PDB file of N, CA and C in Angstrom:
ATOM      1  N   MET A   1      -4.457  86.429  49.991  1.00  0.00           N
ATOM      2  CA  MET A   1      -5.514  85.232  51.422  1.00  0.00           C
ATOM      3  C   MET A   1      -6.071  87.296  51.280  1.00  0.00           C
ATOM      4  N   SER A   2      -7.099  87.172  51.818  1.00  0.00           N
ATOM      5  CA  SER A   2      -7.812  88.654  52.132  1.00  0.00           C
ATOM      6  C   SER A   2      -8.102  88.987  54.180  1.00  0.00           C
ATOM      7  N   ARG A   3      -7.236  90.644  54.132  1.00  0.00           N
ATOM      8  CA  ARG A   3      -8.226  90.744  55.802  1.00  0.00           C
ATOM      9  C   ARG A   3      -8.450  90.058  55.983  1.00  0.00           C
ATOM     10  N   HIS A   4     -10.797  89.923  55.616  1.00  0.00           N
ATOM     11  CA  HIS A   4     -11.560  89.711  56.158  1.00  0.00           C
ATOM     12  C   HIS A   4     -10.603  87.939  56.172  1.00  0.00           C
ATOM     13  N   ALA A   5     -10.644  87.560  56.223  1.00  0.00           N
ATOM     14  CA  ALA A   5     -10.038  85.202  56.123  1.00  0.00           C
ATOM     15  C   ALA A   5      -9.094  85.894  57.093  1.00  0.00           C
ATOM     16  N   ASP A   6      -8.207  86.775  57.107  1.00  0.00           N
ATOM     17  CA  ASP A   6      -6.901  86.786  57.902  1.00  0.00           C
ATOM     18  C   ASP A   6      -7.867  87.044  60.079  1.00  0.00           C
ATOM     19  N   ARG A   7      -9.222  88.069  59.461  1.00  0.00           N
ATOM     20  CA  ARG A   7      -9.309  88.363  60.943  1.00  0.00           C
ATOM     21  C   ARG A   7     -10.448  87.305  61.191  1.00  0.00           C
ATOM     22  N   ARG A   8     -10.761  86.281  59.972  1.00  0.00           N
ATOM     23  CA  ARG A   8     -11.873  85.266  60.489  1.00  0.00           C
ATOM     24  C   ARG A   8     -11.318  84.749  61.019  1.00  0.00           C
ATOM     25  N   SER A   9     -10.071  84.116  60.384  1.00  0.00           N
ATOM     26  CA  SER A   9      -8.641  82.990  61.472  1.00  0.00           C
ATOM     27  C   SER A   9      -8.206  82.934  62.513  1.00  0.00           C
ATOM     28  N   PHE A  10      -8.775  84.602  62.679  1.00  0.00           N
ATOM     29  CA  PHE A  10      -7.499  85.489  64.517  1.00  0.00           C
ATOM     30  C   PHE A  10      -8.726  84.791  65.047  1.00  0.00           C
ATOM     31  N   ASP A  11     -10.935  85.055  64.507  1.00  0.00           N
ATOM     32  CA  ASP A  11     -11.457  85.204  65.547  1.00  0.00           C
ATOM     33  C   ASP A  11     -11.423  83.141  65.876  1.00  0.00           C
ATOM     34  N   TYR A  12     -11.962  82.409  65.210  1.00  0.00           N
ATOM     35  CA  TYR A  12     -11.857  81.042  65.028  1.00  0.00           C
ATOM     36  C   TYR A  12     -10.901  79.920  66.390  1.00  0.00           C
ATOM     37  N   CYS A  13      -9.867  80.579  66.190  1.00  0.00           N
ATOM     38  CA  CYS A  13      -8.204  80.468  67.023  1.00  0.00           C
ATOM     39  C   CYS A  13      -7.412  81.838  67.389  1.00  0.00           C
ATOM     40  N   LYS A  14      -7.372  82.523  68.621  1.00  0.00           N
ATOM     41  CA  LYS A  14      -6.025  83.080  68.886  1.00  0.00           C
ATOM     42  C   LYS A  14      -5.036  83.035  68.490  1.00  0.00           C
ATOM     43  N   GLU A  15      -4.103  84.306  68.912  1.00  0.00           N
ATOM     44  CA  GLU A  15      -2.154  83.695  68.278  1.00  0.00           C
ATOM     45  C   GLU A  15      -2.490  83.050  70.320  1.00  0.00           C
ATOM     46  N   THR A  16      -1.772  81.486  70.328  1.00  0.00           N
ATOM     47  CA  THR A  16      -1.002  80.656  71.074  1.00  0.00           C
ATOM     48  C   THR A  16       0.292  81.282  72.425  1.00  0.00           C
ATOM     49  N   CYS A  17       0.728  81.825  71.124  1.00  0.00           N
ATOM     50  CA  CYS A  17       2.483  81.540  71.258  1.00  0.00           C
ATOM     51  C   CYS A  17       2.897  82.572  72.375  1.00  0.00           C
ATOM     52  N   PRO A  18       2.044  84.146  71.947  1.00  0.00           N
ATOM     53  CA  PRO A  18       2.585  84.449  73.186  1.00  0.00           C
ATOM     54  C   PRO A  18       1.889  84.602  74.584  1.00  0.00           C
ATOM     55  N   GLU A  19       0.498  84.231  74.552  1.00  0.00           N
ATOM     56  CA  GLU A  19       0.552  82.962  75.841  1.00  0.00           C
ATOM     57  C   GLU A  19       1.377  81.844  76.451  1.00  0.00           C
ATOM     58  N   VAL A  20       1.847  81.311  75.805  1.00  0.00           N
ATOM     59  CA  VAL A  20       2.723  80.270  75.746  1.00  0.00           C
ATOM     60  C   VAL A  20       3.695  80.054  76.605  1.00  0.00           C
ATOM     61  N   SER A  21       4.579  81.720  75.696  1.00  0.00           N
ATOM     62  CA  SER A  21       5.216  82.194  76.056  1.00  0.00           C
ATOM     63  C   SER A  21       5.456  83.351  77.637  1.00  0.00           C
ATOM     64  N   ARG A  22       4.272  83.379  77.474  1.00  0.00           N
ATOM     65  CA  ARG A  22       4.256  84.049  79.142  1.00  0.00           C
ATOM     66  C   ARG A  22       4.420  83.166  80.369  1.00  0.00           C
ATOM     67  N   VAL A  23       3.319  82.233  80.455  1.00  0.00           N
ATOM     68  CA  VAL A  23       3.184  81.193  81.575  1.00  0.00           C
ATOM     69  C   VAL A  23       4.521  80.134  80.877  1.00  0.00           C
ATOM     70  N   VAL A  24       5.552  79.593  80.015  1.00  0.00           N
ATOM     71  CA  VAL A  24       6.797  79.542  80.317  1.00  0.00           C
ATOM     72  C   VAL A  24       7.228  79.936  80.374  1.00  0.00           C
ATOM     73  N   GLY A  25       7.566  81.418  79.579  1.00  0.00           N
ATOM     74  CA  GLY A  25       8.747  81.798  79.824  1.00  0.00           C
ATOM     75  C   GLY A  25       9.247  82.422  81.819  1.00  0.00           C
ATOM     76  N   ASP A  26       8.116  82.706  83.309  1.00  0.00           N
ATOM     77  CA  ASP A  26       8.426  82.714  83.837  1.00  0.00           C
ATOM     78  C   ASP A  26       8.732  82.260  84.283  1.00  0.00           C
ATOM     79  N   PHE A  27       9.345  80.616  84.003  1.00  0.00           N
ATOM     80  CA  PHE A  27      10.253  79.288  84.345  1.00  0.00           C
ATOM     81  C   PHE A  27      11.457  79.499  83.833  1.00  0.00           C
ATOM     82  N   LEU A  28      12.329  79.383  82.896  1.00  0.00           N
ATOM     83  CA  LEU A  28      13.089  79.040  81.513  1.00  0.00           C
ATOM     84  C   LEU A  28      13.428  80.406  81.851  1.00  0.00           C
ATOM     85  N   ASP A  29      14.484  80.755  81.139  1.00  0.00           N
ATOM     86  CA  ASP A  29      15.171  81.713  81.426  1.00  0.00           C
ATOM     87  C   ASP A  29      15.493  83.010  78.909  1.00  0.00           C
ATOM     88  N   GLY A  30      15.677  83.645  78.838  1.00  0.00           N
ATOM     89  CA  GLY A  30      15.524  83.889  77.123  1.00  0.00           C
ATOM     90  C   GLY A  30      15.481  82.462  76.264  1.00  0.00           C
ATOM     91  N   GLU A  31      16.755  82.020  76.939  1.00  0.00           N
ATOM     92  CA  GLU A  31      16.492  80.802  75.447  1.00  0.00           C
ATOM     93  C   GLU A  31      15.420  80.016  75.230  1.00  0.00           C
ATOM     94  N   PHE A  32      14.834  80.166  76.209  1.00  0.00           N
ATOM     95  CA  PHE A  32      12.686  79.803  75.319  1.00  0.00           C
ATOM     96  C   PHE A  32      12.025  80.846  73.905  1.00  0.00           C
ATOM     97  N   ASP A  33      12.821  82.392  73.966  1.00  0.00           N
ATOM     98  CA  ASP A  33      12.290  82.866  73.033  1.00  0.00           C
ATOM     99  C   ASP A  33      12.321  81.921  72.265  1.00  0.00           C
ATOM    100  N   LYS A  34      14.144  81.475  71.477  1.00  0.00           N
ATOM    101  CA  LYS A  34      14.194  80.855  70.944  1.00  0.00           C
ATOM    102  C   LYS A  34      13.811  79.428  69.836  1.00  0.00           C
ATOM    103  N   PHE A  35      13.565  79.597  71.207  1.00  0.00           N
ATOM    104  CA  PHE A  35      12.328  77.508  70.594  1.00  0.00           C
ATOM    105  C   PHE A  35      10.798  77.852  70.212  1.00  0.00           C
ATOM    106  N   ILE A  36      10.130  78.920  70.498  1.00  0.00           N
ATOM    107  CA  ILE A  36       8.324  79.917  70.924  1.00  0.00           C
ATOM    108  C   ILE A  36       8.906  79.785  69.691  1.00  0.00           C
ATOM    109  N   GLU A  37      10.169  80.452  68.403  1.00  0.00           N
ATOM    110  CA  GLU A  37       9.922  80.721  67.722  1.00  0.00           C
ATOM    111  C   GLU A  37      10.739  79.763  66.340  1.00  0.00           C
ATOM    112  N   LYS A  38      11.032  78.967  66.736  1.00  0.00           N
ATOM    113  CA  LYS A  38      11.450  77.626  66.049  1.00  0.00           C
ATOM    114  C   LYS A  38       9.596  76.664  66.187  1.00  0.00           C
ATOM    115  N   VAL A  39       9.561  77.362  66.852  1.00  0.00           N
ATOM    116  CA  VAL A  39       7.579  76.356  67.680  1.00  0.00           C
ATOM    117  C   VAL A  39       7.107  76.954  66.103  1.00  0.00           C
ATOM    118  N   LYS A  40       6.981  78.570  66.412  1.00  0.00           N
ATOM    119  CA  LYS A  40       5.996  78.872  65.005  1.00  0.00           C
ATOM    120  C   LYS A  40       6.387  78.482  63.796  1.00  0.00           C
ATOM    121  N   GLU A  41       7.671  78.696  63.296  1.00  0.00           N
ATOM    122  CA  GLU A  41       8.510  78.726  62.632  1.00  0.00           C
ATOM    123  C   GLU A  41       8.154  76.927  61.930  1.00  0.00           C
ATOM    124  N   VAL A  42       7.762  75.968  62.576  1.00  0.00           N
ATOM    125  CA  VAL A  42       7.713  74.834  62.229  1.00  0.00           C
ATOM    126  C   VAL A  42       5.650  74.564  62.249  1.00  0.00           C
ATOM    127  N   SER A  43       5.438  75.086  63.056  1.00  0.00           N
ATOM    128  CA  SER A  43       3.548  74.339  62.849  1.00  0.00           C
ATOM    129  C   SER A  43       3.662  75.866  63.339  1.00  0.00           C
ATOM    130  N   SER A  44       3.339  77.305  64.133  1.00  0.00           N
ATOM    131  CA  SER A  44       2.766  77.851  64.217  1.00  0.00           C
ATOM    132  C   SER A  44       2.608  78.374  62.878  1.00  0.00           C
ATOM    133  N   TYR A  45       3.070  78.728  62.055  1.00  0.00           N
ATOM    134  CA  TYR A  45       2.883  80.202  60.991  1.00  0.00           C
ATOM    135  C   TYR A  45       2.434  79.002  60.046  1.00  0.00           C
ATOM    136  N   LYS A  46       2.952  78.746  60.344  1.00  0.00           N
ATOM    137  CA  LYS A  46       2.156  77.067  58.543  1.00  0.00           C
ATOM    138  C   LYS A  46       0.099  76.923  59.232  1.00  0.00           C
ATOM    139  N   MET A  47      -0.233  76.356  60.379  1.00  0.00           N
ATOM    140  CA  MET A  47      -0.818  76.559  61.265  1.00  0.00           C
ATOM    141  C   MET A  47      -2.331  77.882  60.557  1.00  0.00           C
ATOM    142  N   ARG A  48      -2.085  78.793  61.035  1.00  0.00           N
ATOM    143  CA  ARG A  48      -3.011  79.721  61.245  1.00  0.00           C
ATOM    144  C   ARG A  48      -2.332  80.143  58.802  1.00  0.00           C
ATOM    145  N   LEU A  49      -1.843  80.432  58.839  1.00  0.00           N
ATOM    146  CA  LEU A  49      -2.165  79.911  56.816  1.00  0.00           C
ATOM    147  C   LEU A  49      -2.896  78.973  56.738  1.00  0.00           C
ATOM    148  N   ALA A  50      -3.309  78.172  56.994  1.00  0.00           N
ATOM    149  CA  ALA A  50      -3.806  76.950  56.709  1.00  0.00           C
ATOM    150  C   ALA A  50      -5.615  77.371  57.346  1.00  0.00           C
ATOM    151  N   LEU A  51      -5.255  78.154  58.126  1.00  0.00           N
ATOM    152  CA  LEU A  51      -6.568  78.090  59.088  1.00  0.00           C
ATOM    153  C   LEU A  51      -7.064  79.565  58.109  1.00  0.00           C
ATOM    154  N   THR A  52      -6.199  80.756  57.714  1.00  0.00           N
ATOM    155  CA  THR A  52      -7.013  81.395  56.538  1.00  0.00           C
ATOM    156  C   THR A  52      -7.325  80.655  55.326  1.00  0.00           C
ATOM    157  N   ASP A  53      -6.650  80.151  54.844  1.00  0.00           N
ATOM    158  CA  ASP A  53      -6.800  79.588  53.588  1.00  0.00           C
ATOM    159  C   ASP A  53      -8.923  79.340  53.625  1.00  0.00           C
ATOM    160  N   ALA A  54      -7.929  78.665  54.857  1.00  0.00           N
ATOM    161  CA  ALA A  54      -9.452  77.212  55.213  1.00  0.00           C
ATOM    162  C   ALA A  54     -11.119  78.901  55.682  1.00  0.00           C
ATOM    163  N   CYS A  55     -10.095  80.284  55.418  1.00  0.00           N
ATOM    164  CA  CYS A  55     -10.864  81.277  56.345  1.00  0.00           C
ATOM    165  C   CYS A  55     -11.988  81.054  54.720  1.00  0.00           C
ATOM    166  N   SER A  56     -10.828  82.130  53.809  1.00  0.00           N
ATOM    167  CA  SER A  56     -11.675  82.860  52.782  1.00  0.00           C
ATOM    168  C   SER A  56     -11.620  81.664  51.752  1.00  0.00           C
ATOM    169  N   ASP A  57     -11.523  80.580  51.455  1.00  0.00           N
ATOM    170  CA  ASP A  57     -12.366  79.706  50.736  1.00  0.00           C
ATOM    171  C   ASP A  57     -13.803  79.676  51.457  1.00  0.00           C
ATOM    172  N   LEU A  58     -13.934  79.462  52.966  1.00  0.00           N
ATOM    173  CA  LEU A  58     -15.785  78.965  53.394  1.00  0.00           C
ATOM    174  C   LEU A  58     -16.485  80.641  52.747  1.00  0.00           C
ATOM    175  N   ILE A  59     -14.944  81.751  53.498  1.00  0.00           N
ATOM    176  CA  ILE A  59     -15.889  83.008  52.482  1.00  0.00           C
ATOM    177  C   ILE A  59     -16.312  82.791  51.265  1.00  0.00           C
ATOM    178  N   ALA A  60     -15.199  81.958  49.965  1.00  0.00           N
ATOM    179  CA  ALA A  60     -15.785  82.524  48.995  1.00  0.00           C
ATOM    180  C   ALA A  60     -17.338  81.474  48.604  1.00  0.00           C
ATOM    181  N   ALA A  61     -17.860  80.657  49.601  1.00  0.00           N
ATOM    182  CA  ALA A  61     -18.118  80.004  48.968  1.00  0.00           C
ATOM    183  C   ALA A  61     -19.413  79.965  49.663  1.00  0.00           C
ATOM    184  N   GLU A  62     -19.634  80.826  50.991  1.00  0.00           N
ATOM    185  CA  GLU A  62     -20.702  81.325  51.812  1.00  0.00           C
ATOM    186  C   GLU A  62     -21.362  82.573  50.128  1.00  0.00           C
ATOM    187  N   SER A  63     -20.230  83.376  49.263  1.00  0.00           N
ATOM    188  CA  SER A  63     -20.256  84.996  48.657  1.00  0.00           C
ATOM    189  C   SER A  63     -20.829  83.987  48.122  1.00  0.00           C
ATOM    190  N   GLU A  64     -20.800  82.635  46.588  1.00  0.00           N
ATOM    191  CA  GLU A  64     -21.013  81.873  46.175  1.00  0.00           C
ATOM    192  C   GLU A  64     -22.614  81.614  45.837  1.00  0.00           C
ATOM    193  N   ILE A  65     -23.122  81.097  47.828  1.00  0.00           N
ATOM    194  CA  ILE A  65     -24.403  80.357  48.056  1.00  0.00           C
ATOM    195  C   ILE A  65     -24.980  81.223  48.245  1.00  0.00           C
ATOM    196  N   ALA A  66     -25.264  82.331  48.682  1.00  0.00           N
ATOM    197  CA  ALA A  66     -25.740  83.759  48.533  1.00  0.00           C
ATOM    198  C   ALA A  66     -26.046  83.985  47.111  1.00  0.00           C
ATOM    199  N   ASP A  67     -25.453  84.610  45.949  1.00  0.00           N
ATOM    200  CA  ASP A  67     -25.666  84.377  44.524  1.00  0.00           C
ATOM    201  C   ASP A  67     -26.401  83.729  43.824  1.00  0.00           C
ATOM    202  N   LEU A  68     -26.252  81.488  44.316  1.00  0.00           N
ATOM    203  CA  LEU A  68     -27.435  80.881  44.032  1.00  0.00           C
ATOM    204  C   LEU A  68     -28.231  80.625  44.891  1.00  0.00           C
ATOM    205  N   LYS A  69     -28.065  81.273  45.869  1.00  0.00           N
ATOM    206  CA  LYS A  69     -29.711  81.797  45.968  1.00  0.00           C
ATOM    207  C   LYS A  69     -30.813  82.638  45.555  1.00  0.00           C
ATOM    208  N   ARG A  70     -30.308  84.037  45.281  1.00  0.00           N
ATOM    209  CA  ARG A  70     -30.135  85.330  44.411  1.00  0.00           C
ATOM    210  C   ARG A  70     -31.661  84.475  43.157  1.00  0.00           C
ATOM    211  N   GLN A  71     -30.210  83.215  42.904  1.00  0.00           N
ATOM    212  CA  GLN A  71     -30.665  83.266  41.157  1.00  0.00           C
ATOM    213  C   GLN A  71     -31.443  82.095  41.708  1.00  0.00           C
ATOM    214  N   ILE A  72     -32.416  80.944  42.138  1.00  0.00           N
ATOM    215  CA  ILE A  72     -32.374  81.132  43.053  1.00  0.00           C
ATOM    216  C   ILE A  72     -33.828  81.353  42.750  1.00  0.00           C
ATOM    217  N   GLU A  73     -34.655  82.346  44.202  1.00  0.00           N
ATOM    218  CA  GLU A  73     -35.034  83.451  43.892  1.00  0.00           C
ATOM    219  C   GLU A  73     -35.249  84.425  42.288  1.00  0.00           C
ATOM    220  N   GLN A  74     -34.673  84.220  42.009  1.00  0.00           N
ATOM    221  CA  GLN A  74     -35.061  84.976  40.340  1.00  0.00           C
ATOM    222  C   GLN A  74     -36.086  83.865  39.380  1.00  0.00           C
ATOM    223  N   LYS A  75     -34.937  82.911  39.720  1.00  0.00           N
ATOM    224  CA  LYS A  75     -36.160  80.972  38.716  1.00  0.00           C
ATOM    225  C   LYS A  75     -37.125  81.687  39.324  1.00  0.00           C
ATOM    226  N   ASP A  76     -37.373  81.262  40.442  1.00  0.00           N
ATOM    227  CA  ASP A  76     -39.222  81.570  41.578  1.00  0.00           C
ATOM    228  C   ASP A  76     -40.030  81.984  40.935  1.00  0.00           C
ATOM    229  N   ASN A  77     -39.302  83.663  40.742  1.00  0.00           N
ATOM    230  CA  ASN A  77     -39.848  84.705  40.115  1.00  0.00           C
ATOM    231  C   ASN A  77     -40.561  84.628  38.832  1.00  0.00           C
ATOM    232  N   GLU A  78     -39.490  83.869  37.719  1.00  0.00           N
ATOM    233  CA  GLU A  78     -39.724  83.556  36.172  1.00  0.00           C
ATOM    234  C   GLU A  78     -40.689  82.520  36.533  1.00  0.00           C
ATOM    235  N   ILE A  79     -40.066  81.841  37.107  1.00  0.00           N
ATOM    236  CA  ILE A  79     -40.931  80.317  37.301  1.00  0.00           C
ATOM    237  C   ILE A  79     -42.823  81.128  37.178  1.00  0.00           C
ATOM    238  N   ASP A  80     -43.414  81.665  38.644  1.00  0.00           N
ATOM    239  CA  ASP A  80     -44.427  82.597  38.867  1.00  0.00           C
ATOM    240  C   ASP A  80     -44.903  83.290  37.411  1.00  0.00           C
ATOM    241  N   ASP A  81     -44.391  83.618  37.064  1.00  0.00           N
ATOM    242  CA  ASP A  81     -44.187  84.718  36.147  1.00  0.00           C
ATOM    243  C   ASP A  81     -44.900  83.478  35.362  1.00  0.00           C
ATOM    244  N   LEU A  82     -44.458  82.513  34.374  1.00  0.00           N
ATOM    245  CA  LEU A  82     -44.665  81.217  33.555  1.00  0.00           C
ATOM    246  C   LEU A  82     -46.157  81.036  34.323  1.00  0.00           C
ATOM    247  N   ARG A  83     -45.976  81.169  34.905  1.00  0.00           N
ATOM    248  CA  ARG A  83     -47.234  79.885  35.579  1.00  0.00           C
ATOM    249  C   ARG A  83     -48.864  80.680  35.479  1.00  0.00           C
ATOM    250  N   ARG A  84     -48.837  82.461  35.733  1.00  0.00           N
ATOM    251  CA  ARG A  84     -49.917  83.421  35.872  1.00  0.00           C
ATOM    252  C   ARG A  84     -50.250  83.657  33.421  1.00  0.00           C
ATOM    253  N   GLN A  85     -49.090  83.735  32.965  1.00  0.00           N
ATOM    254  CA  GLN A  85     -49.384  83.514  31.660  1.00  0.00           C
ATOM    255  C   GLN A  85     -49.995  82.640  31.399  1.00  0.00           C
ATOM    256  N   VAL A  86     -49.731  80.962  31.885  1.00  0.00           N
ATOM    257  CA  VAL A  86     -50.144  79.613  31.329  1.00  0.00           C
ATOM    258  C   VAL A  86     -51.734  79.925  32.275  1.00  0.00           C
ATOM    259  N   ARG A  87     -51.761  80.047  32.912  1.00  0.00           N
ATOM    260  CA  ARG A  87     -53.587  80.034  33.578  1.00  0.00           C
ATOM    261  C   ARG A  87     -54.565  81.599  32.215  1.00  0.00           C
ATOM    262  N   ASP A  88     -53.427  82.305  32.006  1.00  0.00           N
ATOM    263  CA  ASP A  88     -53.655  83.524  31.380  1.00  0.00           C
ATOM    264  C   ASP A  88     -54.255  83.162  30.106  1.00  0.00           C
ATOM    265  N   LEU A  89     -53.411  82.586  29.170  1.00  0.00           N
ATOM    266  CA  LEU A  89     -53.880  81.271  28.382  1.00  0.00           C
ATOM    267  C   LEU A  89     -54.577  80.935  28.716  1.00  0.00           C
ATOM    268  N   GLU A  90     -54.778  79.802  29.094  1.00  0.00           N
ATOM    269  CA  GLU A  90     -55.757  78.703  29.413  1.00  0.00           C
ATOM    270  C   GLU A  90     -57.498  79.448  29.739  1.00  0.00           C
ATOM    271  N   ARG A  91     -57.912  80.944  30.351  1.00  0.00           N
ATOM    272  CA  ARG A  91     -58.775  81.303  30.487  1.00  0.00           C
ATOM    273  C   ARG A  91     -59.457  81.664  29.041  1.00  0.00           C
ATOM    274  N   GLU A  92     -58.270  82.525  28.449  1.00  0.00           N
ATOM    275  CA  GLU A  92     -58.587  83.326  27.096  1.00  0.00           C
ATOM    276  C   GLU A  92     -58.710  81.820  26.055  1.00  0.00           C
ATOM    277  N   ALA A  93     -58.178  80.556  26.122  1.00  0.00           N
ATOM    278  CA  ALA A  93     -58.385  79.798  25.669  1.00  0.00           C
ATOM    279  C   ALA A  93     -60.122  79.175  25.912  1.00  0.00           C
ATOM    280  N   ALA A  94     -60.483  79.293  27.302  1.00  0.00           N
ATOM    281  CA  ALA A  94     -61.555  78.757  27.323  1.00  0.00           C
ATOM    282  C   ALA A  94     -62.855  79.334  27.727  1.00  0.00           C
TER     283      ALA A  94
END
């Protein structure tokens, strides 16, 4: 997993547990820290990992799209060159 994918995942969804801890912690004693850690273990960490994996896939897809666009441009240029060659040959034959 790349650092870029990790950063991008935080662009989509910031950490939520610190905010939840802060808000609810004002009303509960230290047991809430244990509760939050358990929530992180069963959900938050897994969701962050899945989001980061999805961002990594997205980055790879964006890179592939950019490569394909370059290939299309290259093929368009080749087609234009071939069309010019055909026109030149048609002129010579006429």
